[in-house]
């Protein structure tokens, strides 16, 4: 179940609510009973748990360092 973030139009109070996707959005602020709007959040990326998933998978550090060295060497020096 996702966590939704809401903001009150009246008092500016922001709060998060853990709801199912089929639940109706909250309409009333818990502090002042004003109207609230659901905010659009960035969401989360997938989380892989268990054996076989490593943080360093698909990261080729040797290519990144060689590219950065090559780009600094290929820049012409400016002479005035």
Protein backbone atom coordinates (compact mmCIF):
# COMPACT_ATOMS: atom_id res chain seq x y z
CA UNK A 1 0.00 0.00 0.00
CA UNK A 2 1.38 3.40 -0.96
CA UNK A 3 1.85 6.44 1.24
CA UNK A 4 0.10 9.55 -0.04
CA UNK A 5 1.04 13.10 0.86
CA UNK A 6 -1.62 15.75 1.36
CA UNK A 7 -1.53 19.53 1.86
CA UNK A 8 -4.27 21.71 3.32
CA UNK A 9 -5.34 24.70 1.21
CA UNK A 10 -6.52 26.55 4.30
CA UNK A 11 -3.70 26.24 6.88
CA UNK A 12 -0.86 24.76 4.78
CA UNK A 13 -0.52 21.67 6.99
CA UNK A 14 1.13 18.75 5.14
CA UNK A 15 0.71 15.15 6.22
CA UNK A 16 1.21 11.65 4.92
CA UNK A 17 -1.37 8.89 4.96
CA UNK A 18 -0.85 5.18 4.36
CA UNK A 19 -3.82 4.12 2.17
CA UNK A 20 -4.72 1.39 -0.27
CA UNK A 21 -4.86 2.39 -3.94
CA UNK A 22 -8.61 1.79 -4.05
CA UNK A 23 -9.33 4.06 -1.03
CA UNK A 24 -10.95 7.43 -1.61
CA UNK A 25 -8.60 10.43 -1.22
CA UNK A 26 -8.89 12.41 2.02
CA UNK A 27 -10.88 15.63 1.61
CA UNK A 28 -10.61 17.23 5.09
CA UNK A 29 -7.56 18.50 7.00
CA UNK A 30 -7.14 16.82 10.40
CA UNK A 31 -6.00 20.13 12.00
CA UNK A 32 -8.44 22.75 10.73
CA UNK A 33 -11.10 20.77 8.77
CA UNK A 34 -10.16 22.71 5.62
CA UNK A 35 -9.97 21.26 2.09
CA UNK A 36 -6.84 19.22 1.26
CA UNK A 37 -5.19 18.26 -2.03
CA UNK A 38 -3.19 15.13 -2.72
CA UNK A 39 0.35 15.98 -3.75
CA UNK A 40 2.18 14.19 -6.54
CA UNK A 41 5.37 12.63 -5.18
CA UNK A 42 8.41 11.28 -6.97
CA UNK A 43 7.69 7.71 -5.98
CA UNK A 44 10.28 5.09 -5.28
CA UNK A 45 12.34 2.92 -7.53
CA UNK A 46 12.14 -0.85 -7.27
CA UNK A 47 13.89 -2.43 -4.32
CA UNK A 48 15.48 -5.78 -5.02
CA UNK A 49 15.92 -7.96 -1.95
CA UNK A 50 17.41 -11.38 -1.59
CA UNK A 51 20.44 -13.22 -2.86
CA UNK A 52 21.63 -12.43 -6.34
CA UNK A 53 21.05 -8.68 -6.21
CA UNK A 54 24.12 -6.61 -5.44
CA UNK A 55 24.50 -2.86 -5.20
CA UNK A 56 27.57 -3.00 -7.43
CA UNK A 57 25.92 -4.98 -10.25
CA UNK A 58 25.98 -3.25 -13.64
CA UNK A 59 28.33 -0.54 -12.40
CA UNK A 60 31.52 -0.58 -14.39
CA UNK A 61 33.75 1.81 -12.50
CA UNK A 62 36.78 1.23 -14.74
CA UNK A 63 34.93 2.61 -17.80
CA UNK A 64 33.79 5.71 -15.95
CA UNK A 65 37.27 6.65 -14.77
CA UNK A 66 38.90 6.02 -18.14
CA UNK A 67 36.29 8.17 -19.92
CA UNK A 68 36.83 11.08 -17.54
CA UNK A 69 40.61 10.86 -17.97
CA UNK A 70 40.28 10.74 -21.75
CA UNK A 71 37.99 13.78 -21.81
CA UNK A 72 40.41 15.88 -19.77
CA UNK A 73 43.37 14.86 -21.94
CA UNK A 74 41.60 15.62 -25.22
CA UNK A 75 40.75 19.22 -24.33
CA UNK A 76 43.06 21.64 -26.14
CA UNK A 77 44.94 24.09 -23.99
CA UNK A 78 43.99 27.69 -24.56
CA UNK A 79 46.85 29.99 -25.47
CA UNK A 80 46.38 33.70 -25.80
